[in-house]
PDB file of N, CA and C in Angstrom:
ATOM      1  N   UNK A   1       1.274 -20.924   9.792  1.00  0.00           N
ATOM      2  CA  UNK A   1       2.010 -19.683   9.660  1.00  0.00           C
ATOM      3  C   UNK A   1       2.342 -19.397   8.197  1.00  0.00           C
ATOM      4  N   UNK A   2       2.794 -20.410   7.482  1.00  0.00           N
ATOM      5  CA  UNK A   2       3.142 -20.234   6.072  1.00  0.00           C
ATOM      6  C   UNK A   2       1.913 -19.861   5.252  1.00  0.00           C
ATOM      7  N   UNK A   3       0.769 -20.429   5.590  1.00  0.00           N
ATOM      8  CA  UNK A   3      -0.463 -20.107   4.867  1.00  0.00           C
ATOM      9  C   UNK A   3      -0.826 -18.634   5.049  1.00  0.00           C
ATOM     10  N   UNK A   4      -0.639 -18.117   6.262  1.00  0.00           N
ATOM     11  CA  UNK A   4      -0.918 -16.703   6.518  1.00  0.00           C
ATOM     12  C   UNK A   4       0.033 -15.811   5.733  1.00  0.00           C
ATOM     13  N   UNK A   5       1.308 -16.194   5.664  1.00  0.00           N
ATOM     14  CA  UNK A   5       2.285 -15.427   4.914  1.00  0.00           C
ATOM     15  C   UNK A   5       1.929 -15.411   3.436  1.00  0.00           C
ATOM     16  N   UNK A   6       1.545 -16.574   2.908  1.00  0.00           N
ATOM     17  CA  UNK A   6       1.158 -16.652   1.501  1.00  0.00           C
ATOM     18  C   UNK A   6      -0.069 -15.801   1.227  1.00  0.00           C
ATOM     19  N   UNK A   7      -1.035 -15.814   2.143  1.00  0.00           N
ATOM     20  CA  UNK A   7      -2.234 -15.007   1.975  1.00  0.00           C
ATOM     21  C   UNK A   7      -1.860 -13.526   1.932  1.00  0.00           C
ATOM     22  N   UNK A   8      -0.985 -13.104   2.838  1.00  0.00           N
ATOM     23  CA  UNK A   8      -0.544 -11.715   2.867  1.00  0.00           C
ATOM     24  C   UNK A   8       0.180 -11.328   1.595  1.00  0.00           C
ATOM     25  N   UNK A   9       1.043 -12.208   1.099  1.00  0.00           N
ATOM     26  CA  UNK A   9       1.762 -11.934  -0.141  1.00  0.00           C
ATOM     27  C   UNK A   9       0.808 -11.855  -1.324  1.00  0.00           C
ATOM     28  N   UNK A  10      -0.184 -12.728  -1.352  1.00  0.00           N
ATOM     29  CA  UNK A  10      -1.169 -12.697  -2.441  1.00  0.00           C
ATOM     30  C   UNK A  10      -1.987 -11.409  -2.408  1.00  0.00           C
ATOM     31  N   UNK A  11      -2.367 -10.979  -1.217  1.00  0.00           N
ATOM     32  CA  UNK A  11      -3.122  -9.729  -1.102  1.00  0.00           C
ATOM     33  C   UNK A  11      -2.275  -8.543  -1.545  1.00  0.00           C
ATOM     34  N   UNK A  12      -1.009  -8.540  -1.166  1.00  0.00           N
ATOM     35  CA  UNK A  12      -0.113  -7.463  -1.574  1.00  0.00           C
ATOM     36  C   UNK A  12       0.070  -7.481  -3.086  1.00  0.00           C
ATOM     37  N   UNK A  13       0.204  -8.667  -3.655  1.00  0.00           N
ATOM     38  CA  UNK A  13       0.339  -8.800  -5.101  1.00  0.00           C
ATOM     39  C   UNK A  13      -0.902  -8.255  -5.814  1.00  0.00           C
ATOM     40  N   UNK A  14      -2.075  -8.576  -5.288  1.00  0.00           N
ATOM     41  CA  UNK A  14      -3.324  -8.054  -5.855  1.00  0.00           C
ATOM     42  C   UNK A  14      -3.365  -6.534  -5.764  1.00  0.00           C
ATOM     43  N   UNK A  15      -2.905  -6.001  -4.647  1.00  0.00           N
ATOM     44  CA  UNK A  15      -2.865  -4.550  -4.465  1.00  0.00           C
ATOM     45  C   UNK A  15      -1.952  -3.909  -5.508  1.00  0.00           C
ATOM     46  N   UNK A  16      -0.786  -4.503  -5.741  1.00  0.00           N
ATOM     47  CA  UNK A  16       0.139  -3.959  -6.732  1.00  0.00           C
ATOM     48  C   UNK A  16      -0.456  -3.982  -8.134  1.00  0.00           C
ATOM     49  N   UNK A  17      -1.182  -5.040  -8.446  1.00  0.00           N
ATOM     50  CA  UNK A  17      -1.852  -5.105  -9.752  1.00  0.00           C
ATOM     51  C   UNK A  17      -2.878  -3.985  -9.875  1.00  0.00           C
ATOM     52  N   UNK A  18      -3.614  -3.723  -8.801  1.00  0.00           N
ATOM     53  CA  UNK A  18      -4.594  -2.639  -8.806  1.00  0.00           C
ATOM     54  C   UNK A  18      -3.901  -1.290  -8.982  1.00  0.00           C
ATOM     55  N   UNK A  19      -2.787  -1.102  -8.299  1.00  0.00           N
ATOM     56  CA  UNK A  19      -2.046   0.156  -8.409  1.00  0.00           C
ATOM     57  C   UNK A  19      -1.593   0.378  -9.861  1.00  0.00           C
ATOM     58  N   UNK A  20      -1.181  -0.678 -10.514  1.00  0.00           N
ATOM     59  CA  UNK A  20      -0.773  -0.573 -11.924  1.00  0.00           C
ATOM     60  C   UNK A  20      -1.902  -0.018 -12.799  1.00  0.00           C
ATOM     61  N   UNK A  21      -3.141  -0.350 -12.484  1.00  0.00           N
ATOM     62  CA  UNK A  21      -4.269   0.134 -13.287  1.00  0.00           C
ATOM     63  C   UNK A  21      -4.458   1.644 -13.132  1.00  0.00           C
ATOM     64  N   UNK A  22      -3.873   2.221 -12.097  1.00  0.00           N
ATOM     65  CA  UNK A  22      -4.043   3.652 -11.836  1.00  0.00           C
ATOM     66  C   UNK A  22      -3.213   4.523 -12.771  1.00  0.00           C
ATOM     67  N   UNK A  23      -2.321   3.906 -13.534  1.00  0.00           N
ATOM     68  CA  UNK A  23      -1.484   4.669 -14.475  1.00  0.00           C
ATOM     69  C   UNK A  23      -2.313   5.458 -15.475  1.00  0.00           C
ATOM     70  N   UNK A  24      -3.499   4.984 -15.775  1.00  0.00           N
ATOM     71  CA  UNK A  24      -4.348   5.655 -16.764  1.00  0.00           C
ATOM     72  C   UNK A  24      -5.405   6.556 -16.110  1.00  0.00           C
ATOM     73  N   UNK A  25      -5.304   6.744 -14.802  1.00  0.00           N
ATOM     74  CA  UNK A  25      -6.268   7.568 -14.073  1.00  0.00           C
ATOM     75  C   UNK A  25      -6.025   9.043 -14.378  1.00  0.00           C
ATOM     76  N   UNK A  26      -7.087   9.760 -14.649  1.00  0.00           N
ATOM     77  CA  UNK A  26      -6.991  11.185 -14.965  1.00  0.00           C
ATOM     78  C   UNK A  26      -6.406  11.958 -13.780  1.00  0.00           C
ATOM     79  N   UNK A  27      -5.643  13.017 -14.083  1.00  0.00           N
ATOM     80  CA  UNK A  27      -4.977  13.798 -13.035  1.00  0.00           C
ATOM     81  C   UNK A  27      -5.960  14.385 -12.031  1.00  0.00           C
ATOM     82  N   UNK A  28      -7.114  14.827 -12.501  1.00  0.00           N
ATOM     83  CA  UNK A  28      -8.054  15.445 -11.560  1.00  0.00           C
ATOM     84  C   UNK A  28      -8.542  14.439 -10.509  1.00  0.00           C
ATOM     85  N   UNK A  29      -8.598  13.173 -10.865  1.00  0.00           N
ATOM     86  CA  UNK A  29      -9.021  12.136  -9.915  1.00  0.00           C
ATOM     87  C   UNK A  29      -7.972  11.962  -8.820  1.00  0.00           C
ATOM     88  N   UNK A  30      -6.703  12.080  -9.181  1.00  0.00           N
ATOM     89  CA  UNK A  30      -5.611  11.910  -8.219  1.00  0.00           C
ATOM     90  C   UNK A  30      -5.664  12.925  -7.084  1.00  0.00           C
ATOM     91  N   UNK A  31      -6.084  14.141  -7.402  1.00  0.00           N
ATOM     92  CA  UNK A  31      -6.027  15.235  -6.436  1.00  0.00           C
ATOM     93  C   UNK A  31      -7.360  15.542  -5.761  1.00  0.00           C
ATOM     94  N   UNK A  32      -8.427  14.918  -6.217  1.00  0.00           N
ATOM     95  CA  UNK A  32      -9.759  15.171  -5.660  1.00  0.00           C
ATOM     96  C   UNK A  32      -9.984  14.268  -4.436  1.00  0.00           C
ATOM     97  N   UNK A  33     -10.411  14.848  -3.312  1.00  0.00           N
ATOM     98  CA  UNK A  33     -10.717  14.010  -2.143  1.00  0.00           C
ATOM     99  C   UNK A  33     -11.762  12.950  -2.506  1.00  0.00           C
ATOM    100  N   UNK A  34     -11.611  11.774  -1.902  1.00  0.00           N
ATOM    101  CA  UNK A  34     -12.541  10.690  -2.230  1.00  0.00           C
ATOM    102  C   UNK A  34     -13.938  10.975  -1.688  1.00  0.00           C
ATOM    103  N   UNK A  35     -14.020  11.882  -0.724  1.00  0.00           N
ATOM    104  CA  UNK A  35     -15.279  12.312  -0.128  1.00  0.00           C
ATOM    105  C   UNK A  35     -14.988  13.618   0.612  1.00  0.00           C
ATOM    106  N   UNK A  36     -16.003  14.360   0.948  1.00  0.00           N
ATOM    107  CA  UNK A  36     -15.820  15.619   1.660  1.00  0.00           C
ATOM    108  C   UNK A  36     -15.041  15.394   2.957  1.00  0.00           C
ATOM    109  N   UNK A  37     -13.957  16.144   3.120  1.00  0.00           N
ATOM    110  CA  UNK A  37     -13.140  16.037   4.315  1.00  0.00           C
ATOM    111  C   UNK A  37     -12.187  14.847   4.329  1.00  0.00           C
ATOM    112  N   UNK A  38     -12.115  14.108   3.230  1.00  0.00           N
ATOM    113  CA  UNK A  38     -11.254  12.920   3.153  1.00  0.00           C
ATOM    114  C   UNK A  38     -10.024  13.211   2.290  1.00  0.00           C
ATOM    115  N   UNK A  39      -9.070  12.300   2.341  1.00  0.00           N
ATOM    116  CA  UNK A  39      -7.859  12.429   1.537  1.00  0.00           C
ATOM    117  C   UNK A  39      -8.151  12.128   0.068  1.00  0.00           C
ATOM    118  N   UNK A  40      -7.233  12.581  -0.775  1.00  0.00           N
ATOM    119  CA  UNK A  40      -7.288  12.254  -2.198  1.00  0.00           C
ATOM    120  C   UNK A  40      -6.628  10.888  -2.417  1.00  0.00           C
ATOM    121  N   UNK A  41      -6.817  10.346  -3.609  1.00  0.00           N
ATOM    122  CA  UNK A  41      -6.174   9.081  -3.972  1.00  0.00           C
ATOM    123  C   UNK A  41      -4.660   9.212  -3.840  1.00  0.00           C
ATOM    124  N   UNK A  42      -4.135  10.320  -4.265  1.00  0.00           N
ATOM    125  CA  UNK A  42      -2.688  10.580  -4.169  1.00  0.00           C
ATOM    126  C   UNK A  42      -2.209  10.519  -2.716  1.00  0.00           C
ATOM    127  N   UNK A  43      -2.934  11.155  -1.825  1.00  0.00           N
ATOM    128  CA  UNK A  43      -2.552  11.177  -0.409  1.00  0.00           C
ATOM    129  C   UNK A  43      -2.654   9.785   0.229  1.00  0.00           C
ATOM    130  N   UNK A  44      -3.690   9.060  -0.144  1.00  0.00           N
ATOM    131  CA  UNK A  44      -3.867   7.711   0.397  1.00  0.00           C
ATOM    132  C   UNK A  44      -2.712   6.805  -0.017  1.00  0.00           C
ATOM    133  N   UNK A  45      -2.368   6.842  -1.306  1.00  0.00           N
ATOM    134  CA  UNK A  45      -1.294   5.981  -1.789  1.00  0.00           C
ATOM    135  C   UNK A  45       0.066   6.403  -1.240  1.00  0.00           C
ATOM    136  N   UNK A  46       0.280   7.699  -1.056  1.00  0.00           N
ATOM    137  CA  UNK A  46       1.541   8.168  -0.454  1.00  0.00           C
ATOM    138  C   UNK A  46       1.649   7.655   0.976  1.00  0.00           C
ATOM    139  N   UNK A  47       0.547   7.653   1.685  1.00  0.00           N
ATOM    140  CA  UNK A  47       0.524   7.150   3.064  1.00  0.00           C
ATOM    141  C   UNK A  47       0.854   5.653   3.099  1.00  0.00           C
ATOM    142  N   UNK A  48       0.236   4.898   2.222  1.00  0.00           N
ATOM    143  CA  UNK A  48       0.491   3.454   2.157  1.00  0.00           C
ATOM    144  C   UNK A  48       1.945   3.200   1.792  1.00  0.00           C
ATOM    145  N   UNK A  49       2.471   3.969   0.834  1.00  0.00           N
ATOM    146  CA  UNK A  49       3.869   3.799   0.419  1.00  0.00           C
ATOM    147  C   UNK A  49       4.806   4.036   1.603  1.00  0.00           C
ATOM    148  N   UNK A  50       4.549   5.080   2.371  1.00  0.00           N
ATOM    149  CA  UNK A  50       5.390   5.369   3.532  1.00  0.00           C
ATOM    150  C   UNK A  50       5.382   4.191   4.510  1.00  0.00           C
ATOM    151  N   UNK A  51       4.210   3.666   4.808  1.00  0.00           N
ATOM    152  CA  UNK A  51       4.125   2.570   5.781  1.00  0.00           C
ATOM    153  C   UNK A  51       4.710   1.271   5.242  1.00  0.00           C
ATOM    154  N   UNK A  52       4.603   1.042   3.941  1.00  0.00           N
ATOM    155  CA  UNK A  52       5.254  -0.134   3.352  1.00  0.00           C
ATOM    156  C   UNK A  52       6.770  -0.009   3.472  1.00  0.00           C
ATOM    157  N   UNK A  53       7.290   1.178   3.184  1.00  0.00           N
ATOM    158  CA  UNK A  53       8.730   1.425   3.293  1.00  0.00           C
ATOM    159  C   UNK A  53       9.173   1.254   4.746  1.00  0.00           C
ATOM    160  N   UNK A  54       8.421   1.811   5.665  1.00  0.00           N
ATOM    161  CA  UNK A  54       8.722   1.683   7.084  1.00  0.00           C
ATOM    162  C   UNK A  54       8.725   0.211   7.507  1.00  0.00           C
ATOM    163  N   UNK A  55       7.745  -0.528   7.045  1.00  0.00           N
ATOM    164  CA  UNK A  55       7.661  -1.950   7.390  1.00  0.00           C
ATOM    165  C   UNK A  55       8.873  -2.716   6.887  1.00  0.00           C
ATOM    166  N   UNK A  56       9.247  -2.475   5.640  1.00  0.00           N
ATOM    167  CA  UNK A  56      10.375  -3.203   5.058  1.00  0.00           C
ATOM    168  C   UNK A  56      11.698  -2.852   5.729  1.00  0.00           C
ATOM    169  N   UNK A  57      11.887  -1.580   6.046  1.00  0.00           N
ATOM    170  CA  UNK A  57      13.173  -1.141   6.580  1.00  0.00           C
ATOM    171  C   UNK A  57      13.313  -1.333   8.087  1.00  0.00           C
ATOM    172  N   UNK A  58      12.232  -1.218   8.828  1.00  0.00           N
ATOM    173  CA  UNK A  58      12.329  -1.260  10.286  1.00  0.00           C
ATOM    174  C   UNK A  58      11.649  -2.468  10.920  1.00  0.00           C
ATOM    175  N   UNK A  59      10.420  -2.721  10.510  1.00  0.00           N
ATOM    176  CA  UNK A  59       9.654  -3.757  11.195  1.00  0.00           C
ATOM    177  C   UNK A  59      10.076  -5.171  10.809  1.00  0.00           C
ATOM    178  N   UNK A  60      10.227  -5.436   9.520  1.00  0.00           N
ATOM    179  CA  UNK A  60      10.562  -6.791   9.073  1.00  0.00           C
ATOM    180  C   UNK A  60      11.912  -7.247   9.632  1.00  0.00           C
ATOM    181  N   UNK A  61      12.967  -6.414   9.547  1.00  0.00           N
ATOM    182  CA  UNK A  61      14.229  -6.861  10.135  1.00  0.00           C
ATOM    183  C   UNK A  61      14.115  -7.141  11.642  1.00  0.00           C
ATOM    184  N   UNK A  62      13.371  -6.326  12.358  1.00  0.00           N
ATOM    185  CA  UNK A  62      13.194  -6.541  13.798  1.00  0.00           C
ATOM    186  C   UNK A  62      12.457  -7.843  14.073  1.00  0.00           C
ATOM    187  N   UNK A  63      11.441  -8.123  13.268  1.00  0.00           N
ATOM    188  CA  UNK A  63      10.692  -9.363  13.452  1.00  0.00           C
ATOM    189  C   UNK A  63      11.564 -10.570  13.140  1.00  0.00           C
ATOM    190  N   UNK A  64      12.395 -10.460  12.110  1.00  0.00           N
ATOM    191  CA  UNK A  64      13.269 -11.572  11.730  1.00  0.00           C
ATOM    192  C   UNK A  64      14.275 -11.877  12.828  1.00  0.00           C
ATOM    193  N   UNK A  65      14.818 -10.834  13.437  1.00  0.00           N
ATOM    194  CA  UNK A  65      15.803 -11.022  14.495  1.00  0.00           C
ATOM    195  C   UNK A  65      15.179 -11.634  15.734  1.00  0.00           C
ATOM    196  N   UNK A  66      13.931 -11.286  16.015  1.00  0.00           N
ATOM    197  CA  UNK A  66      13.267 -11.766  17.211  1.00  0.00           C
ATOM    198  C   UNK A  66      12.471 -13.044  17.011  1.00  0.00           C
ATOM    199  N   UNK A  67      12.471 -13.552  15.791  1.00  0.00           N
ATOM    200  CA  UNK A  67      11.656 -14.736  15.496  1.00  0.00           C
ATOM    201  C   UNK A  67      12.238 -15.996  16.081  1.00  0.00           C
TER     202      UNK A  67
END
């Protein structure tokens, strides 16, 4: 179980490092869909941010109480 948690934390850490590299991304890239009919980079990251916030505020406390 601890190994899985560490793997998840490492993957999240890698994701955060990748997000940091986006600071130098041109504005037009942020708003352009990644493919026809798909979301833009901005929309994708906003979606991930919402679910991360939801997980931290609602899911993690519930899992801790029921563990």
